[in-house]
Amino acid sequence: PSGMIEIPSGILVQGRLRGEPMDQAPYSEPLEL
C-alpha cells in the first residue's frame, strides 16, 4: 500500500546493546540477540 517504507531483509540486533547504562537497559531484555 502507498505511504509505506520498505525495510530490507537483514539482521536485527535485538534488545539492549553492549555499553548501554543498566539503569536504562533492563536485564530482562536480551543482550544483542
PDB file of all heavy atoms in Angstrom:
ATOM      1  N   PRO A   1       0.833  -1.201   0.000  1.00  0.00           N
ATOM      2  CA  PRO A   1       0.000   0.000   0.000  1.00  0.00           C
ATOM      3  C   PRO A   1       0.869   1.252   0.000  1.00  0.00           C
ATOM      4  O   PRO A   1       2.015   1.225   0.440  1.00  0.00           O
ATOM      5  CB  PRO A   1      -0.799  -0.140   1.302  1.00  0.00           C
ATOM      6  CG  PRO A   1      -0.796  -1.613   1.598  1.00  0.00           C
ATOM      7  CD  PRO A   1       0.544  -2.099   1.129  1.00  0.00           C
ATOM      8  N   SER A   2       0.330   2.352  -0.492  1.00  0.00           N
ATOM      9  CA  SER A   2       1.097   3.596  -0.574  1.00  0.00           C
ATOM     10  C   SER A   2       1.415   4.132   0.821  1.00  0.00           C
ATOM     11  O   SER A   2       0.736   3.812   1.801  1.00  0.00           O
ATOM     12  CB  SER A   2       0.311   4.638  -1.368  1.00  0.00           C
ATOM     13  OG  SER A   2      -0.907   4.956  -0.710  1.00  0.00           O
ATOM     14  N   GLY A   3       2.455   4.945   0.885  1.00  0.00           N
ATOM     15  CA  GLY A   3       2.813   5.582   2.148  1.00  0.00           C
ATOM     16  C   GLY A   3       3.619   4.710   3.085  1.00  0.00           C
ATOM     17  O   GLY A   3       3.769   5.046   4.263  1.00  0.00           O
ATOM     18  N   MET A   4       4.149   3.596   2.575  1.00  0.00           N
ATOM     19  CA  MET A   4       4.914   2.686   3.412  1.00  0.00           C
ATOM     20  C   MET A   4       6.386   2.698   2.995  1.00  0.00           C
ATOM     21  O   MET A   4       6.723   2.993   1.843  1.00  0.00           O
ATOM     22  CB  MET A   4       4.360   1.262   3.343  1.00  0.00           C
ATOM     23  CG  MET A   4       2.890   1.142   3.678  1.00  0.00           C
ATOM     24  SD  MET A   4       2.351  -0.578   3.930  1.00  0.00           S
ATOM     25  CE  MET A   4       2.846  -0.835   5.642  1.00  0.00           C
ATOM     26  N   ILE A   5       7.259   2.400   3.940  1.00  0.00           N
ATOM     27  CA  ILE A   5       8.692   2.338   3.697  1.00  0.00           C
ATOM     28  C   ILE A   5       9.134   0.880   3.721  1.00  0.00           C
ATOM     29  O   ILE A   5       8.781   0.132   4.638  1.00  0.00           O
ATOM     30  CB  ILE A   5       9.458   3.146   4.763  1.00  0.00           C
ATOM     31  CG1 ILE A   5       9.171   4.646   4.577  1.00  0.00           C
ATOM     32  CG2 ILE A   5      10.956   2.874   4.696  1.00  0.00           C
ATOM     33  CD1 ILE A   5       9.814   5.531   5.617  1.00  0.00           C
ATOM     34  N   GLU A   6       9.910   0.491   2.719  1.00  0.00           N
ATOM     35  CA  GLU A   6      10.398  -0.884   2.672  1.00  0.00           C
ATOM     36  C   GLU A   6      11.612  -1.037   3.574  1.00  0.00           C
ATOM     37  O   GLU A   6      12.565  -0.268   3.487  1.00  0.00           O
ATOM     38  CB  GLU A   6      10.764  -1.290   1.249  1.00  0.00           C
ATOM     39  CG  GLU A   6      11.206  -2.755   1.150  1.00  0.00           C
ATOM     40  CD  GLU A   6      11.429  -3.222  -0.268  1.00  0.00           C
ATOM     41  OE1 GLU A   6      11.447  -2.370  -1.184  1.00  0.00           O
ATOM     42  OE2 GLU A   6      11.558  -4.450  -0.462  1.00  0.00           O
ATOM     43  N   ILE A   7      11.554  -2.022   4.442  1.00  0.00           N
ATOM     44  CA  ILE A   7      12.688  -2.372   5.300  1.00  0.00           C
ATOM     45  C   ILE A   7      13.299  -3.641   4.712  1.00  0.00           C
ATOM     46  O   ILE A   7      12.640  -4.686   4.666  1.00  0.00           O
ATOM     47  CB  ILE A   7      12.250  -2.619   6.757  1.00  0.00           C
ATOM     48  CG1 ILE A   7      11.403  -1.444   7.283  1.00  0.00           C
ATOM     49  CG2 ILE A   7      13.470  -2.841   7.633  1.00  0.00           C
ATOM     50  CD1 ILE A   7      12.121  -0.114   7.314  1.00  0.00           C
ATOM     51  N   PRO A   8      14.544  -3.585   4.262  1.00  0.00           N
ATOM     52  CA  PRO A   8      15.135  -4.755   3.600  1.00  0.00           C
ATOM     53  C   PRO A   8      15.376  -5.893   4.582  1.00  0.00           C
ATOM     54  O   PRO A   8      15.492  -5.684   5.808  1.00  0.00           O
ATOM     55  CB  PRO A   8      16.453  -4.213   3.047  1.00  0.00           C
ATOM     56  CG  PRO A   8      16.798  -3.074   3.950  1.00  0.00           C
ATOM     57  CD  PRO A   8      15.482  -2.451   4.321  1.00  0.00           C
ATOM     58  N   SER A   9      15.443  -7.106   4.057  1.00  0.00           N
ATOM     59  CA  SER A   9      15.776  -8.240   4.914  1.00  0.00           C
ATOM     60  C   SER A   9      17.158  -8.027   5.510  1.00  0.00           C
ATOM     61  O   SER A   9      18.031  -7.393   4.910  1.00  0.00           O
ATOM     62  CB  SER A   9      15.746  -9.542   4.110  1.00  0.00           C
ATOM     63  OG  SER A   9      16.691  -9.487   3.057  1.00  0.00           O
ATOM     64  N   GLY A  10      17.358  -8.534   6.705  1.00  0.00           N
ATOM     65  CA  GLY A  10      18.648  -8.344   7.363  1.00  0.00           C
ATOM     66  C   GLY A  10      18.621  -8.817   8.793  1.00  0.00           C
ATOM     67  O   GLY A  10      17.625  -9.387   9.265  1.00  0.00           O
ATOM     68  N   ILE A  11      19.695  -8.568   9.485  1.00  0.00           N
ATOM     69  CA  ILE A  11      19.845  -8.997  10.872  1.00  0.00           C
ATOM     70  C   ILE A  11      19.477  -7.859  11.811  1.00  0.00           C
ATOM     71  O   ILE A  11      20.013  -6.754  11.707  1.00  0.00           O
ATOM     72  CB  ILE A  11      21.284  -9.462  11.160  1.00  0.00           C
ATOM     73  CG1 ILE A  11      21.656 -10.653  10.270  1.00  0.00           C
ATOM     74  CG2 ILE A  11      21.442  -9.833  12.633  1.00  0.00           C
ATOM     75  CD1 ILE A  11      20.828 -11.895  10.518  1.00  0.00           C
ATOM     76  N   LEU A  12      18.555  -8.127  12.717  1.00  0.00           N
ATOM     77  CA  LEU A  12      18.251  -7.205  13.813  1.00  0.00           C
ATOM     78  C   LEU A  12      19.088  -7.604  15.015  1.00  0.00           C
ATOM     79  O   LEU A  12      19.087  -8.767  15.422  1.00  0.00           O
ATOM     80  CB  LEU A  12      16.762  -7.271  14.181  1.00  0.00           C
ATOM     81  CG  LEU A  12      16.393  -6.645  15.532  1.00  0.00           C
ATOM     82  CD1 LEU A  12      16.623  -5.133  15.516  1.00  0.00           C
ATOM     83  CD2 LEU A  12      14.950  -6.980  15.905  1.00  0.00           C
ATOM     84  N   VAL A  13      19.799  -6.650  15.584  1.00  0.00           N
ATOM     85  CA  VAL A  13      20.485  -6.878  16.856  1.00  0.00           C
ATOM     86  C   VAL A  13      19.492  -6.477  17.938  1.00  0.00           C
ATOM     87  O   VAL A  13      19.375  -5.307  18.313  1.00  0.00           O
ATOM     88  CB  VAL A  13      21.786  -6.062  16.958  1.00  0.00           C
ATOM     89  CG1 VAL A  13      22.508  -6.375  18.266  1.00  0.00           C
ATOM     90  CG2 VAL A  13      22.698  -6.366  15.773  1.00  0.00           C
ATOM     91  N   GLN A  14      18.741  -7.460  18.412  1.00  0.00           N
ATOM     92  CA  GLN A  14      17.595  -7.204  19.286  1.00  0.00           C
ATOM     93  C   GLN A  14      18.018  -7.009  20.737  1.00  0.00           C
ATOM     94  O   GLN A  14      18.969  -7.622  21.225  1.00  0.00           O
ATOM     95  CB  GLN A  14      16.605  -8.364  19.194  1.00  0.00           C
ATOM     96  CG  GLN A  14      15.299  -8.130  19.961  1.00  0.00           C
ATOM     97  CD  GLN A  14      14.378  -9.331  19.895  1.00  0.00           C
ATOM     98  OE1 GLN A  14      14.813 -10.435  19.573  1.00  0.00           O
ATOM     99  NE2 GLN A  14      13.108  -9.125  20.187  1.00  0.00           N
ATOM    100  N   GLY A  15      17.281  -6.146  21.423  1.00  0.00           N
ATOM    101  CA  GLY A  15      17.495  -5.976  22.857  1.00  0.00           C
ATOM    102  C   GLY A  15      18.540  -4.921  23.188  1.00  0.00           C
ATOM    103  O   GLY A  15      18.924  -4.098  22.359  1.00  0.00           O
ATOM    104  N   ARG A  16      19.016  -4.980  24.434  1.00  0.00           N
ATOM    105  CA  ARG A  16      19.996  -3.987  24.888  1.00  0.00           C
ATOM    106  C   ARG A  16      21.333  -4.207  24.196  1.00  0.00           C
ATOM    107  O   ARG A  16      21.710  -5.322  23.852  1.00  0.00           O
ATOM    108  CB  ARG A  16      20.162  -4.056  26.412  1.00  0.00           C
ATOM    109  CG  ARG A  16      20.548  -5.409  26.966  1.00  0.00           C
ATOM    110  CD  ARG A  16      20.416  -5.419  28.486  1.00  0.00           C
ATOM    111  NE  ARG A  16      20.575  -6.767  29.022  1.00  0.00           N
ATOM    112  CZ  ARG A  16      21.717  -7.255  29.458  1.00  0.00           C
ATOM    113  NH1 ARG A  16      22.809  -6.497  29.461  1.00  0.00           N
ATOM    114  NH2 ARG A  16      21.791  -8.484  29.924  1.00  0.00           N
ATOM    115  N   LEU A  17      22.014  -3.112  23.980  1.00  0.00           N
ATOM    116  CA  LEU A  17      23.298  -3.140  23.310  1.00  0.00           C
ATOM    117  C   LEU A  17      24.418  -3.000  24.337  1.00  0.00           C
ATOM    118  O   LEU A  17      24.248  -2.363  25.387  1.00  0.00           O
ATOM    119  CB  LEU A  17      23.388  -1.999  22.290  1.00  0.00           C
ATOM    120  CG  LEU A  17      22.274  -1.962  21.235  1.00  0.00           C
ATOM    121  CD1 LEU A  17      22.445  -0.752  20.324  1.00  0.00           C
ATOM    122  CD2 LEU A  17      22.255  -3.252  20.426  1.00  0.00           C
ATOM    123  N   ARG A  18      25.529  -3.598  24.060  1.00  0.00           N
ATOM    124  CA  ARG A  18      26.669  -3.521  24.974  1.00  0.00           C
ATOM    125  C   ARG A  18      27.054  -2.053  25.176  1.00  0.00           C
ATOM    126  O   ARG A  18      27.137  -1.282  24.235  1.00  0.00           O
ATOM    127  CB  ARG A  18      27.859  -4.304  24.414  1.00  0.00           C
ATOM    128  CG  ARG A  18      27.580  -5.788  24.271  1.00  0.00           C
ATOM    129  CD  ARG A  18      28.790  -6.561  23.769  1.00  0.00           C
ATOM    130  NE  ARG A  18      28.420  -7.902  23.352  1.00  0.00           N
ATOM    131  CZ  ARG A  18      28.257  -8.920  24.193  1.00  0.00           C
ATOM    132  NH1 ARG A  18      28.446  -8.733  25.495  1.00  0.00           N
ATOM    133  NH2 ARG A  18      27.904 -10.114  23.745  1.00  0.00           N
ATOM    134  N   GLY A  19      27.282  -1.698  26.419  1.00  0.00           N
ATOM    135  CA  GLY A  19      27.657  -0.324  26.735  1.00  0.00           C
ATOM    136  C   GLY A  19      26.504   0.552  27.163  1.00  0.00           C
ATOM    137  O   GLY A  19      26.718   1.653  27.669  1.00  0.00           O
ATOM    138  N   GLU A  20      25.260   0.073  26.981  1.00  0.00           N
ATOM    139  CA  GLU A  20      24.131   0.865  27.447  1.00  0.00           C
ATOM    140  C   GLU A  20      24.087   0.864  28.981  1.00  0.00           C
ATOM    141  O   GLU A  20      24.304  -0.169  29.615  1.00  0.00           O
ATOM    142  CB  GLU A  20      22.809   0.293  26.929  1.00  0.00           C
ATOM    143  CG  GLU A  20      22.518   0.587  25.483  1.00  0.00           C
ATOM    144  CD  GLU A  20      21.072   0.296  25.140  1.00  0.00           C
ATOM    145  OE1 GLU A  20      20.207   1.124  25.488  1.00  0.00           O
ATOM    146  OE2 GLU A  20      20.797  -0.758  24.548  1.00  0.00           O
ATOM    147  N   PRO A  21      23.804   2.008  29.611  1.00  0.00           N
ATOM    148  CA  PRO A  21      23.690   2.059  31.075  1.00  0.00           C
ATOM    149  C   PRO A  21      22.607   1.102  31.559  1.00  0.00           C
ATOM    150  O   PRO A  21      21.518   1.057  31.000  1.00  0.00           O
ATOM    151  CB  PRO A  21      23.306   3.516  31.345  1.00  0.00           C
ATOM    152  CG  PRO A  21      23.756   4.266  30.137  1.00  0.00           C
ATOM    153  CD  PRO A  21      23.584   3.319  28.985  1.00  0.00           C
ATOM    154  N   MET A  22      22.893   0.339  32.594  1.00  0.00           N
ATOM    155  CA  MET A  22      21.953  -0.668  33.060  1.00  0.00           C
ATOM    156  C   MET A  22      20.701  -0.076  33.695  1.00  0.00           C
ATOM    157  O   MET A  22      19.674  -0.740  33.820  1.00  0.00           O
ATOM    158  CB  MET A  22      22.646  -1.617  34.043  1.00  0.00           C
ATOM    159  CG  MET A  22      23.731  -2.469  33.397  1.00  0.00           C
ATOM    160  SD  MET A  22      23.192  -3.283  31.852  1.00  0.00           S
ATOM    161  CE  MET A  22      21.816  -4.242  32.433  1.00  0.00           C
ATOM    162  N   ASP A  23      20.753   1.202  34.089  1.00  0.00           N
ATOM    163  CA  ASP A  23      19.542   1.818  34.623  1.00  0.00           C
ATOM    164  C   ASP A  23      18.567   2.179  33.502  1.00  0.00           C
ATOM    165  O   ASP A  23      17.422   2.552  33.762  1.00  0.00           O
ATOM    166  CB  ASP A  23      19.873   3.057  35.446  1.00  0.00           C
ATOM    167  CG  ASP A  23      20.579   4.139  34.629  1.00  0.00           C
ATOM    168  OD1 ASP A  23      21.167   3.804  33.581  1.00  0.00           O
ATOM    169  OD2 ASP A  23      20.552   5.306  35.056  1.00  0.00           O
ATOM    170  N   GLN A  24      19.028   2.059  32.256  1.00  0.00           N
ATOM    171  CA  GLN A  24      18.159   2.328  31.113  1.00  0.00           C
ATOM    172  C   GLN A  24      17.858   1.070  30.307  1.00  0.00           C
ATOM    173  O   GLN A  24      16.859   1.025  29.597  1.00  0.00           O
ATOM    174  CB  GLN A  24      18.815   3.369  30.197  1.00  0.00           C
ATOM    175  CG  GLN A  24      19.002   4.726  30.842  1.00  0.00           C
ATOM    176  CD  GLN A  24      19.631   5.731  29.903  1.00  0.00           C
ATOM    177  OE1 GLN A  24      19.651   5.543  28.699  1.00  0.00           O
ATOM    178  NE2 GLN A  24      20.159   6.813  30.463  1.00  0.00           N
ATOM    179  N   ALA A  25      18.722   0.073  30.380  1.00  0.00           N
ATOM    180  CA  ALA A  25      18.546  -1.160  29.616  1.00  0.00           C
ATOM    181  C   ALA A  25      18.395  -2.323  30.589  1.00  0.00           C
ATOM    182  O   ALA A  25      19.387  -2.847  31.097  1.00  0.00           O
ATOM    183  CB  ALA A  25      19.738  -1.376  28.693  1.00  0.00           C
ATOM    184  N   PRO A  26      17.190  -2.753  30.907  1.00  0.00           N
ATOM    185  CA  PRO A  26      16.973  -3.785  31.921  1.00  0.00           C
ATOM    186  C   PRO A  26      17.513  -5.154  31.520  1.00  0.00           C
ATOM    187  O   PRO A  26      17.606  -5.487  30.336  1.00  0.00           O
ATOM    188  CB  PRO A  26      15.447  -3.821  32.063  1.00  0.00           C
ATOM    189  CG  PRO A  26      14.938  -3.305  30.759  1.00  0.00           C
ATOM    190  CD  PRO A  26      15.929  -2.275  30.317  1.00  0.00           C
ATOM    191  N   TYR A  27      17.871  -5.942  32.527  1.00  0.00           N
ATOM    192  CA  TYR A  27      18.383  -7.290  32.285  1.00  0.00           C
ATOM    193  C   TYR A  27      17.351  -8.196  31.635  1.00  0.00           C
ATOM    194  O   TYR A  27      17.699  -9.227  31.062  1.00  0.00           O
ATOM    195  CB  TYR A  27      18.839  -7.921  33.613  1.00  0.00           C
ATOM    196  CG  TYR A  27      20.177  -7.438  34.086  1.00  0.00           C
ATOM    197  CD1 TYR A  27      20.284  -6.548  35.153  1.00  0.00           C
ATOM    198  CD2 TYR A  27      21.357  -7.873  33.480  1.00  0.00           C
ATOM    199  CE1 TYR A  27      21.517  -6.102  35.593  1.00  0.00           C
ATOM    200  CE2 TYR A  27      22.595  -7.436  33.914  1.00  0.00           C
ATOM    201  CZ  TYR A  27      22.674  -6.550  34.978  1.00  0.00           C
ATOM    202  OH  TYR A  27      23.893  -6.112  35.403  1.00  0.00           O
ATOM    203  N   SER A  28      16.079  -7.840  31.743  1.00  0.00           N
ATOM    204  CA  SER A  28      15.032  -8.675  31.144  1.00  0.00           C
ATOM    205  C   SER A  28      15.099  -8.671  29.620  1.00  0.00           C
ATOM    206  O   SER A  28      14.544  -9.557  28.975  1.00  0.00           O
ATOM    207  CB  SER A  28      13.650  -8.191  31.596  1.00  0.00           C
ATOM    208  OG  SER A  28      13.426  -6.847  31.208  1.00  0.00           O
ATOM    209  N   GLU A  29      15.775  -7.687  29.042  1.00  0.00           N
ATOM    210  CA  GLU A  29      15.928  -7.641  27.595  1.00  0.00           C
ATOM    211  C   GLU A  29      17.078  -8.552  27.174  1.00  0.00           C
ATOM    212  O   GLU A  29      18.083  -8.649  27.864  1.00  0.00           O
ATOM    213  CB  GLU A  29      16.233  -6.218  27.123  1.00  0.00           C
ATOM    214  CG  GLU A  29      15.084  -5.255  27.264  1.00  0.00           C
ATOM    215  CD  GLU A  29      15.471  -3.856  26.800  1.00  0.00           C
ATOM    216  OE1 GLU A  29      16.590  -3.693  26.259  1.00  0.00           O
ATOM    217  OE2 GLU A  29      14.669  -2.931  26.991  1.00  0.00           O
ATOM    218  N   PRO A  30      16.959  -9.208  26.024  1.00  0.00           N
ATOM    219  CA  PRO A  30      18.091  -9.994  25.522  1.00  0.00           C
ATOM    220  C   PRO A  30      19.272  -9.082  25.227  1.00  0.00           C
ATOM    221  O   PRO A  30      19.098  -7.902  24.903  1.00  0.00           O
ATOM    222  CB  PRO A  30      17.540 -10.637  24.250  1.00  0.00           C
ATOM    223  CG  PRO A  30      16.432  -9.722  23.818  1.00  0.00           C
ATOM    224  CD  PRO A  30      15.823  -9.200  25.090  1.00  0.00           C
ATOM    225  N   LEU A  31      20.479  -9.606  25.350  1.00  0.00           N
ATOM    226  CA  LEU A  31      21.682  -8.834  25.066  1.00  0.00           C
ATOM    227  C   LEU A  31      22.141  -9.125  23.639  1.00  0.00           C
ATOM    228  O   LEU A  31      22.614 -10.224  23.337  1.00  0.00           O
ATOM    229  CB  LEU A  31      22.801  -9.169  26.050  1.00  0.00           C
ATOM    230  CG  LEU A  31      24.161  -8.515  25.776  1.00  0.00           C
ATOM    231  CD1 LEU A  31      24.040  -6.994  25.843  1.00  0.00           C
ATOM    232  CD2 LEU A  31      25.211  -9.014  26.766  1.00  0.00           C
ATOM    233  N   GLU A  32      21.925  -8.159  22.756  1.00  0.00           N
ATOM    234  CA  GLU A  32      22.383  -8.246  21.370  1.00  0.00           C
ATOM    235  C   GLU A  32      22.047  -9.597  20.731  1.00  0.00           C
ATOM    236  O   GLU A  32      22.889 -10.261  20.142  1.00  0.00           O
ATOM    237  CB  GLU A  32      23.881  -7.955  21.286  1.00  0.00           C
ATOM    238  CG  GLU A  32      24.230  -6.536  21.702  1.00  0.00           C
ATOM    239  CD  GLU A  32      25.657  -6.147  21.363  1.00  0.00           C
ATOM    240  OE1 GLU A  32      26.456  -7.020  20.964  1.00  0.00           O
ATOM    241  OE2 GLU A  32      25.980  -4.945  21.483  1.00  0.00           O
ATOM    242  N   LEU A  33      20.783  -9.984  20.849  1.00  0.00           N
ATOM    243  CA  LEU A  33      20.303 -11.205  20.207  1.00  0.00           C
ATOM    244  C   LEU A  33      20.161 -10.948  18.712  1.00  0.00           C
ATOM    245  O   LEU A  33      19.480 -10.010  18.286  1.00  0.00           O
ATOM    246  CB  LEU A  33      18.953 -11.603  20.796  1.00  0.00           C
ATOM    247  CG  LEU A  33      18.284 -12.845  20.201  1.00  0.00           C
ATOM    248  CD1 LEU A  33      19.123 -14.087  20.488  1.00  0.00           C
ATOM    249  CD2 LEU A  33      16.876 -13.001  20.771  1.00  0.00           C
TER     250      LEU A  33
END
